[in-house]
Protein backbone atom coordinates (compact mmCIF):
# COMPACT_ATOMS: atom_id res chain seq x y z
CA MET A 1 55.26 74.46 101.71
CA ASN A 2 57.48 71.62 100.45
CA ILE A 3 59.37 70.17 103.42
CA ILE A 4 61.91 67.34 103.45
CA ILE A 5 62.79 65.68 106.75
CA ALA A 6 65.91 63.55 107.09
CA GLY A 7 65.70 61.43 110.22
CA ASP A 8 66.58 58.08 111.73
CA GLY A 9 64.11 57.73 114.55
CA GLU A 10 61.26 59.18 116.55
CA VAL A 11 62.21 62.87 116.23
CA GLY A 12 61.86 62.78 112.45
CA PHE A 13 58.74 60.62 112.78
CA HIS A 14 57.11 63.07 115.20
CA LEU A 15 58.02 66.11 113.11
CA ALA A 16 56.63 64.53 109.95
CA LYS A 17 53.27 63.77 111.57
CA SER A 18 53.04 67.16 113.28
CA LEU A 19 53.98 69.26 110.26
CA SER A 20 51.70 67.27 107.95
CA GLU A 21 48.76 68.44 110.08
CA LEU A 22 49.62 72.01 109.08
CA ASP A 23 48.84 71.37 105.39
CA ASN A 24 52.42 70.98 104.17
CA ASN A 25 53.85 68.62 101.56
CA ILE A 26 56.17 66.36 103.53
CA THR A 27 58.82 63.95 102.26
CA VAL A 28 60.71 61.80 104.77
CA VAL A 29 64.17 60.36 104.09
CA ASP A 30 65.16 57.62 106.53
CA PRO A 31 67.52 54.62 106.37
CA HIS A 32 65.09 52.40 108.31
CA SER A 33 62.50 50.71 106.12
CA GLU A 34 60.45 49.41 109.06
CA LEU A 35 60.00 52.87 110.53
CA LEU A 36 58.96 54.24 107.14
CA LYS A 37 56.41 51.46 106.72
CA GLN A 38 54.91 52.44 110.07
CA LEU A 39 54.85 56.10 109.02
CA GLU A 40 53.21 55.23 105.70
CA SER A 41 50.52 53.22 107.50
CA GLU A 42 49.61 56.20 109.70
CA THR A 43 49.92 59.04 107.16
CA ASP A 44 49.88 59.71 103.42
CA LEU A 45 53.40 61.17 103.40
CA LEU A 46 55.98 60.44 100.72
CA THR A 47 58.85 58.35 102.10
CA ILE A 48 62.26 57.47 100.67
CA ILE A 49 64.57 54.80 102.09
CA GLY A 50 68.19 55.88 101.94
CA ASN A 51 71.17 57.69 103.38
CA SER A 52 70.65 61.45 103.60
CA THR A 53 74.34 62.12 102.78
CA SER A 54 73.82 60.63 99.32
CA PRO A 55 73.33 63.39 96.70
CA GLN A 56 71.28 60.98 94.60
CA VAL A 57 68.90 60.21 97.46
CA LEU A 58 68.47 63.93 98.11
CA GLN A 59 67.80 64.60 94.44
CA ASP A 60 65.22 61.79 94.36
CA ALA A 61 63.51 63.38 97.37
CA GLY A 62 63.05 66.63 95.43
CA THR A 63 65.58 68.80 97.26
CA SER A 64 65.88 71.21 94.32
CA SER A 65 62.27 72.37 94.90
CA CYS A 66 62.36 72.16 98.70
CA ASP A 67 61.31 75.20 100.76
CA LEU A 68 62.57 73.80 104.06
CA PHE A 69 65.00 70.94 104.67
CA LEU A 70 65.23 69.51 108.20
CA SER A 71 68.03 67.14 109.19
CA VAL A 72 67.27 65.65 112.61
CA LEU A 73 69.22 62.39 112.79
CA HIS A 74 70.92 61.38 116.01
CA ASP A 75 74.39 61.96 114.52
CA GLU A 76 75.33 65.65 114.53
CA SER A 77 77.98 65.28 111.83
CA ILE A 78 75.53 63.59 109.43
CA ASN A 79 73.00 66.38 110.04
CA LEU A 80 75.52 69.09 109.20
CA VAL A 81 76.75 67.32 106.06
CA THR A 82 73.16 66.63 104.98
CA ALA A 83 72.14 70.26 105.42
CA ILE A 84 75.17 71.49 103.47
CA LEU A 85 74.44 69.09 100.60
CA ALA A 86 70.73 70.03 100.61
CA LYS A 87 71.59 73.72 100.33
CA LYS A 88 73.96 73.07 97.42
CA LEU A 89 71.23 71.05 95.68
CA GLY A 90 68.73 73.89 95.89
CA ALA A 91 66.94 73.79 99.27
CA LYS A 92 65.81 77.31 100.19
CA LYS A 93 66.30 76.92 103.96
CA THR A 94 68.13 74.25 105.94
CA VAL A 95 67.96 73.35 109.64
CA ALA A 96 70.28 70.85 111.37
CA ARG A 97 69.86 69.23 114.76
CA ILE A 98 73.10 69.33 116.78
CA THR A 99 74.27 68.02 120.14
CA ASN A 100 77.35 70.19 120.71
CA ALA A 101 76.02 73.48 122.09
CA GLU A 102 79.39 75.16 121.39
CA LEU A 103 78.40 75.30 117.72
CA LEU A 104 75.69 77.81 118.65
CA SER A 105 78.24 80.55 119.33
CA PRO A 106 78.00 83.49 116.88
CA LYS A 107 81.35 82.61 115.33
CA HIS A 108 80.42 78.99 114.57
CA ARG A 109 76.90 79.93 113.45
CA GLU A 110 78.33 82.27 110.84
CA THR A 111 80.78 79.63 109.64
CA PHE A 112 78.06 77.05 109.10
CA ARG A 113 75.74 79.60 107.46
CA ASP A 114 78.49 80.26 104.92
CA LEU A 115 78.62 76.51 104.28
CA GLY A 116 74.84 76.24 103.82
CA VAL A 117 73.41 75.44 107.26
CA ASP A 118 70.92 78.26 107.87
CA GLU A 119 69.84 77.27 111.37
CA MET A 120 70.99 74.85 114.09
CA VAL A 121 68.88 73.52 116.95
CA CYS A 122 70.21 71.80 120.07
CA PRO A 123 67.21 70.23 121.89
CA GLU A 124 69.34 69.25 124.88
CA ARG A 125 70.51 72.81 125.43
CA ILE A 126 66.96 74.17 125.12
CA ALA A 127 65.70 71.49 127.53
CA ALA A 128 68.35 72.43 130.10
CA LYS A 129 67.40 76.09 129.77
CA GLU A 130 63.73 75.25 130.32
CA ILE A 131 64.65 73.30 133.46
CA THR A 132 66.64 76.18 134.95
CA ASN A 133 63.89 78.66 134.11
CA LEU A 134 61.24 76.45 135.72
CA LEU A 135 63.28 76.12 138.91
CA ASN A 136 63.52 79.90 139.07
CA ASN A 137 59.78 80.24 138.48
CA THR A 138 58.24 77.50 140.57
CA MET A 139 54.54 78.29 140.25
CA ALA A 140 54.37 77.29 136.56
CA THR A 141 54.34 73.83 135.05
CA GLU A 142 55.55 75.37 131.82
CA PHE A 143 56.18 78.91 130.65
CA PHE A 144 57.44 80.80 127.65
CA ASP A 145 58.53 84.43 127.23
CA PHE A 146 57.60 86.68 124.32
CA SER A 147 59.49 89.79 123.19
CA GLY A 148 62.18 89.37 125.81
CA GLY A 149 59.73 88.82 128.66
CA LEU A 150 57.27 91.66 128.00
CA LEU A 151 54.55 88.99 128.02
CA THR A 152 54.76 85.45 129.35
CA LEU A 153 52.63 82.36 128.84
CA TYR A 154 52.27 80.23 131.98
CA LEU A 155 50.82 76.74 132.27
CA ILE A 156 49.51 76.51 135.84
CA ARG A 157 47.34 73.94 137.59
CA LEU A 158 44.31 75.59 139.21
CA GLU A 159 44.34 74.75 142.91
CA ALA A 160 41.37 74.58 145.30
CA GLU A 161 42.16 78.12 146.54
CA SER A 162 41.86 79.63 143.05
CA PRO A 163 39.10 82.29 142.88
CA VAL A 164 38.18 81.22 139.33
CA ILE A 165 37.10 77.68 140.32
CA SER A 166 33.42 77.05 139.47
CA ARG A 167 33.18 80.43 137.75
CA SER A 168 32.63 81.07 134.04
CA VAL A 169 34.79 83.22 131.81
CA ARG A 170 31.98 85.79 131.75
CA GLU A 171 31.93 85.99 135.57
CA ILE A 172 35.70 86.23 135.79
CA THR A 173 35.76 89.03 133.24
CA GLN A 174 33.20 91.01 135.24
CA ILE A 175 34.59 90.38 138.73
CA TYR A 176 38.32 90.27 138.05
CA ALA A 177 38.62 92.74 135.15
CA GLU A 178 41.40 94.53 137.01
CA LEU A 179 43.60 91.41 136.95
CA GLN A 180 44.65 92.20 133.36
CA VAL A 181 45.59 88.58 132.60
CA ARG A 182 44.03 86.19 130.11
CA ILE A 183 43.34 82.47 130.38
CA VAL A 184 43.67 81.54 126.71
CA ALA A 185 43.21 77.76 126.96
CA ILE A 186 42.59 74.87 129.35
CA LEU A 187 44.01 71.36 129.32
CA ARG A 188 41.40 69.07 130.91
CA ASP A 189 41.40 65.25 130.81
CA GLY A 190 43.78 65.30 127.85
CA GLU A 191 41.59 67.70 125.84
CA THR A 192 42.61 71.21 124.82
CA ILE A 193 39.76 73.69 125.34
CA ILE A 194 39.69 77.25 123.97
CA PRO A 195 37.39 78.85 126.59
CA HIS A 196 34.32 80.87 125.59
CA SER A 197 32.13 83.07 127.77
CA ASP A 198 30.21 80.14 129.30
CA THR A 199 33.23 77.91 130.00
CA VAL A 200 33.46 77.05 133.72
CA PHE A 201 36.85 76.42 135.31
CA ARG A 202 37.43 73.37 137.50
CA GLN A 203 39.93 72.50 140.20
CA GLY A 204 42.86 70.66 138.63
CA ASP A 205 42.49 72.30 135.21
CA LEU A 206 45.82 73.12 133.60
CA ALA A 207 45.29 76.73 132.54
CA TYR A 208 47.36 78.61 129.96
CA ILE A 209 47.60 82.15 131.33
CA ILE A 210 49.20 85.13 129.57
CA GLY A 211 50.35 88.13 131.59
CA ARG A 212 53.15 90.60 132.18
CA ALA A 213 56.27 89.77 134.17
CA ASN A 214 55.22 92.24 136.91
CA GLN A 215 51.89 90.42 137.34
CA LEU A 216 53.27 87.29 138.98
CA ASP A 217 51.46 87.97 142.25
CA ILE A 218 48.16 88.40 140.38
CA ILE A 219 48.73 85.21 138.38
CA LYS A 220 49.47 83.33 141.60
CA GLN A 221 46.17 84.64 142.97
CA VAL A 222 44.29 83.45 139.87
CA ALA A 223 45.81 79.97 140.14
CA GLY A 224 45.57 79.70 143.93
CA LYS A 225 49.33 79.16 144.19
CA HIS A 226 51.69 79.90 147.09
CA ASP A 227 55.29 81.11 147.00
CA MET A 228 58.04 78.51 146.91
CA SER A 229 61.78 78.96 146.52
CA VAL A 230 64.31 76.37 145.39
CA SER A 231 67.68 76.49 147.14
CA ASN A 232 68.80 72.91 146.51
CA VAL A 233 68.17 70.53 143.63
CA MET A 234 68.98 66.90 142.85
CA ILE A 235 69.47 65.85 139.22
CA ALA A 236 69.25 62.21 138.10
CA GLY A 237 71.16 61.70 134.88
CA GLY A 238 74.49 63.15 133.79
CA GLY A 239 73.91 63.21 130.04
CA ARG A 240 73.91 66.41 128.01
CA ILE A 241 70.69 67.78 129.52
CA GLY A 242 71.75 67.02 133.10
CA ARG A 243 75.21 68.46 132.47
CA TYR A 244 73.96 71.69 130.87
CA ALA A 245 71.37 72.16 133.64
CA ALA A 246 73.92 71.55 136.42
CA MET A 247 76.39 73.98 134.83
CA THR A 248 73.76 76.73 135.01
CA LEU A 249 72.30 75.87 138.41
CA GLU A 250 75.42 75.15 140.47
CA GLY A 251 76.26 78.83 140.88
CA ARG A 252 72.76 79.65 142.12
CA MET A 253 71.78 76.74 144.36
CA ARG A 254 73.16 73.64 146.03
CA THR A 255 73.25 70.99 143.29
CA THR A 256 73.63 67.20 143.49
CA LEU A 257 73.90 65.01 140.37
CA ILE A 258 73.42 61.22 140.32
CA GLU A 259 74.95 59.32 137.39
CA GLN A 260 75.30 55.56 136.96
CA ASP A 261 78.18 55.55 134.47
CA ARG A 262 81.48 55.89 136.33
CA GLN A 263 83.47 57.34 133.43
CA ARG A 264 80.82 59.93 132.77
CA CYS A 265 81.07 60.97 136.42
CA VAL A 266 84.80 61.44 135.98
CA ASP A 267 84.22 63.52 132.84
CA LEU A 268 81.64 65.67 134.64
CA THR A 269 84.15 66.68 137.31
CA SER A 270 86.04 68.67 134.67
CA VAL A 271 83.06 70.96 133.92
CA LEU A 272 81.13 70.99 137.22
CA ASN A 273 83.05 72.71 140.01
CA LYS A 274 80.35 73.22 142.62
CA THR A 275 78.10 70.21 142.01
CA LEU A 276 78.22 67.11 144.21
CA ILE A 277 78.58 64.24 141.71
CA ILE A 278 77.56 60.78 142.91
CA ASN A 279 78.20 57.57 140.99
CA GLY A 280 75.04 55.53 141.56
CA ASP A 281 71.74 54.22 140.24
CA ALA A 282 68.90 56.76 140.35
CA THR A 283 66.37 53.93 140.77
CA ASN A 284 67.98 53.06 144.11
CA ILE A 285 65.66 55.01 146.39
CA GLU A 286 67.72 54.18 149.49
CA LEU A 287 70.73 55.83 147.82
CA LEU A 288 68.67 58.93 147.04
CA LYS A 289 67.48 59.06 150.64
CA GLU A 290 71.05 58.76 151.90
CA GLU A 291 71.99 61.73 149.72
CA GLY A 292 69.14 63.81 151.19
CA LEU A 293 66.35 63.54 148.63
CA GLN A 294 63.68 64.18 151.28
CA ARG A 295 65.40 67.49 152.14
CA THR A 296 65.60 68.59 148.50
CA ASP A 297 63.38 71.36 147.14
CA ALA A 298 63.39 70.07 143.55
CA PHE A 299 64.13 66.77 141.81
CA VAL A 300 64.98 66.63 138.09
CA ALA A 301 65.08 63.25 136.32
CA VAL A 302 66.74 63.34 132.88
CA THR A 303 68.17 59.84 132.47
CA GLY A 304 67.88 58.00 129.16
CA SER A 305 64.82 56.08 130.42
CA SER A 306 61.42 57.79 130.52
CA GLU A 307 60.13 55.08 132.87
CA THR A 308 62.98 55.70 135.31
CA ASN A 309 62.40 59.44 135.17
CA VAL A 310 58.68 59.11 135.89
CA LEU A 311 59.10 56.58 138.71
CA THR A 312 61.89 58.47 140.47
CA CYS A 313 59.88 61.69 140.31
CA LEU A 314 56.90 59.91 141.87
CA HIS A 315 59.15 58.62 144.67
CA ALA A 316 60.47 62.15 145.17
CA LYS A 317 56.91 63.47 145.45
CA LYS A 318 56.08 60.76 147.97
CA LEU A 319 59.05 61.86 150.08
CA GLY A 320 57.82 65.45 150.10
CA VAL A 321 59.84 67.06 147.30
CA GLN A 322 57.79 70.05 146.18
CA ARG A 323 59.00 70.39 142.59
CA THR A 324 59.59 67.53 140.12
CA ILE A 325 60.66 67.66 136.46
CA ALA A 326 60.93 64.57 134.24
CA LEU A 327 62.33 64.02 130.76
CA VAL A 328 59.70 61.94 128.94
CA GLU A 329 60.50 60.95 125.36
CA ASN A 330 57.30 59.00 124.73
CA THR A 331 54.72 61.70 123.95
CA GLY A 332 51.97 59.25 124.93
CA PHE A 333 53.24 59.42 128.53
CA ILE A 334 52.99 63.19 128.83
CA THR A 335 49.33 63.58 129.83
CA LEU A 336 49.51 60.52 132.09
CA SER A 337 52.63 61.86 133.81
CA GLN A 338 50.95 65.21 134.43
CA ASP A 339 47.81 63.53 135.75
CA ILE A 340 49.69 61.43 138.30
CA GLY A 341 51.37 64.45 139.85
CA ILE A 342 54.67 65.20 138.09
CA ASP A 343 54.94 68.97 137.88
CA THR A 344 56.67 69.41 134.53
CA ILE A 345 57.40 67.20 131.54
CA ILE A 346 60.32 67.90 129.17
CA ASN A 347 60.17 66.34 125.70
CA LYS A 348 62.92 66.78 123.09
CA LYS A 349 60.61 66.09 120.16
CA LEU A 350 58.32 68.95 121.18
CA ILE A 351 61.33 71.18 121.77
CA THR A 352 62.61 70.52 118.25
CA ALA A 353 59.14 71.05 116.76
CA SER A 354 58.79 74.36 118.65
CA TYR A 355 62.02 75.65 117.17
CA ILE A 356 61.12 74.63 113.64
CA ALA A 357 57.48 75.76 113.66
CA ARG A 358 58.33 79.43 113.11
CA PHE A 359 59.82 78.59 109.70
CA ILE A 360 56.63 77.10 108.29
CA VAL A 361 53.99 79.76 108.91
CA LYS A 362 53.12 82.28 106.22
CA ALA A 363 53.21 85.34 108.48
CA GLU A 364 56.37 86.55 110.19
CA ALA A 365 56.69 84.33 113.27
CA LEU A 366 59.11 85.75 115.84
CA SER A 367 58.86 82.82 118.25
CA SER A 368 56.77 79.72 118.82
CA LYS A 369 56.28 76.86 121.24
CA TRP A 370 54.53 73.50 120.91
CA LEU A 371 52.92 72.78 124.26
CA SER A 372 53.32 69.62 126.33
CA GLY A 373 50.28 67.36 126.61
CA THR A 374 48.48 69.05 123.71
CA ASN A 375 48.90 69.48 119.98
CA ALA A 376 48.34 73.23 120.33
CA GLU A 377 50.94 75.88 119.65
CA VAL A 378 51.47 79.44 120.79
CA ILE A 379 53.07 81.78 118.26
CA GLU A 380 54.26 85.38 118.35
CA PHE A 381 53.51 87.10 115.02
CA SER A 382 54.67 90.46 113.75
CA VAL A 383 51.67 92.07 112.03
CA GLY A 384 52.39 92.75 108.37
CA LYS A 385 51.99 96.18 106.74
CA TRP A 386 49.12 94.99 104.52
CA SER A 387 47.74 92.44 106.99
CA PRO A 388 43.94 91.92 106.98
CA ALA A 389 44.16 92.17 110.79
CA THR A 390 44.89 95.93 110.51
CA ARG A 391 41.62 96.71 108.73
CA ARG A 392 39.17 96.27 111.60
CA PRO A 393 39.12 96.04 115.43
CA ILE A 394 40.05 92.74 117.11
CA GLY A 395 36.40 92.06 117.97
CA GLU A 396 35.51 92.05 114.28
CA LEU A 397 38.38 89.87 113.07
CA GLU A 398 37.36 86.54 111.61
CA MET A 399 39.45 84.47 114.01
CA PRO A 400 38.84 80.78 113.25
CA GLN A 401 37.42 78.54 115.96
CA GLY A 402 40.37 76.87 117.65
CA ALA A 403 42.47 80.03 117.90
CA THR A 404 42.49 83.02 120.22
CA ILE A 405 44.54 86.19 120.73
CA GLY A 406 46.32 86.12 124.07
CA GLY A 407 48.13 89.45 124.02
CA VAL A 408 49.40 92.38 121.95
CA ILE A 409 52.72 94.22 122.21
CA ARG A 410 53.07 97.67 120.62
CA GLY A 411 56.62 98.91 120.74
CA ARG A 412 57.63 97.99 124.29
CA GLU A 413 54.11 98.21 125.72
CA PRO A 414 52.04 95.04 126.36
CA MET A 415 48.33 95.59 125.71
CA GLN A 416 45.12 93.71 126.48
CA PRO A 417 43.55 92.34 123.25
CA LEU A 418 40.24 94.11 123.89
CA LYS A 419 37.50 93.93 121.28
CA ASP A 420 37.84 97.58 120.22
CA LEU A 421 41.64 97.52 119.89
CA GLN A 422 42.81 98.26 116.32
CA LEU A 423 46.01 96.41 115.40
CA LYS A 424 48.77 98.26 113.55
CA ALA A 425 51.62 97.12 111.32
CA LYS A 426 54.61 95.86 113.36
CA ASP A 427 52.44 95.12 116.41
CA LYS A 428 53.35 91.78 117.95
CA VAL A 429 50.42 89.44 118.52
CA ILE A 430 50.45 86.32 120.73
CA ILE A 431 48.20 83.62 119.26
CA PHE A 432 47.16 80.31 120.83
CA THR A 433 46.13 77.99 118.00
CA LEU A 434 45.31 74.40 117.14
CA PRO A 435 47.03 72.85 114.06
CA ALA A 436 43.87 72.65 111.95
CA VAL A 437 43.54 76.44 111.79
CA MET A 438 47.22 77.43 111.80
CA ASP A 439 47.30 78.32 108.11
CA ARG A 440 44.20 80.53 108.34
CA VAL A 441 45.60 82.30 111.40
CA SER A 442 48.97 83.03 109.76
CA ARG A 443 47.26 84.45 106.65
CA LEU A 444 45.32 86.86 108.85
CA PHE A 445 48.52 88.52 110.14
CA LYS A 446 50.72 88.24 107.03
């Protein structure tokens, strides 16, 4: 697939490197020559220095033969204009990064589609939604629903009480067959492991578990987790993510928001009616204590500084806060942050990549998510009418090493991907896959 990425920073940089691993032809348009030099030194991508709102620059980038055009600059207006121009110049599909979530309403979506913007992604809005979901489902470090929640992928740390510790996949299958959940991958010491029959689970492993929504108690048993409810939350950072999260949470739980910028605090009072807004520095631990941090169930740090977010979450943990979530923009910090005890990491680059990934696979991808701390991805495919996967049982499919089937949904019925199960057209299949085999996997279900 020919993909053009218009960016002006790390989001475009990250997307270019990630999508190039999936065997795509990538061209990057960026106004910053230094960033492009760095990208060129690390990859063999084609780069063009220039302004993405220039028709000539877009023509030079090959927009007329572009399958997918991504505009992910920091400026929402430039992204929209760029996507519109790209469509007029021949791009088959355009995606624009936005910051104003109001544009995602059906009315505005239709307007921009008419203008040439096929899809819009708001990473801040998605991040806020992930935060609220995680606070409502406290056992998981990360989770993602498929087919409206018929199946869910959970990332859960295996505690000492977990019955799978020191047992192999083969033993678990024999002893706990009735659990009807699948551990599709493990994140251990920064390495993503697709488990085989002899793989032994260890305490502290981050396990990717797929199960039904009504199996939460079973999944808790597998992970050795205990129930925890969140009735009050403190948010550090009143930017777009903090604001969107507080707007959703304030009607469900007691919410406190700490923001250093006084004017932003004033602006927040017009949209947050039930949130206690405090003008102060989130790095001031004494201030957080005064506002009751040690009595808070969950602490969410989404300031503009990854270092601040990590450090304040660590302080919160030290004071006994059970649930911590940090916005970490440097992907190199993600594994380290997880290892030192922060429960969940939110990263806007991964969020944007997750949204875009479904447009680049050859099979029909209904949803996808790039996973924190790993380069792996989980994708929900709709099995094609003439798909090779319909010709033989799952156990005989030539699934490449580095990919595994986590679940099957037929109609509205989730099913275990047992070896003798024969897939049918329109079945939905949940696949956990590494980038190197993504193309082979998508061809199997096309």
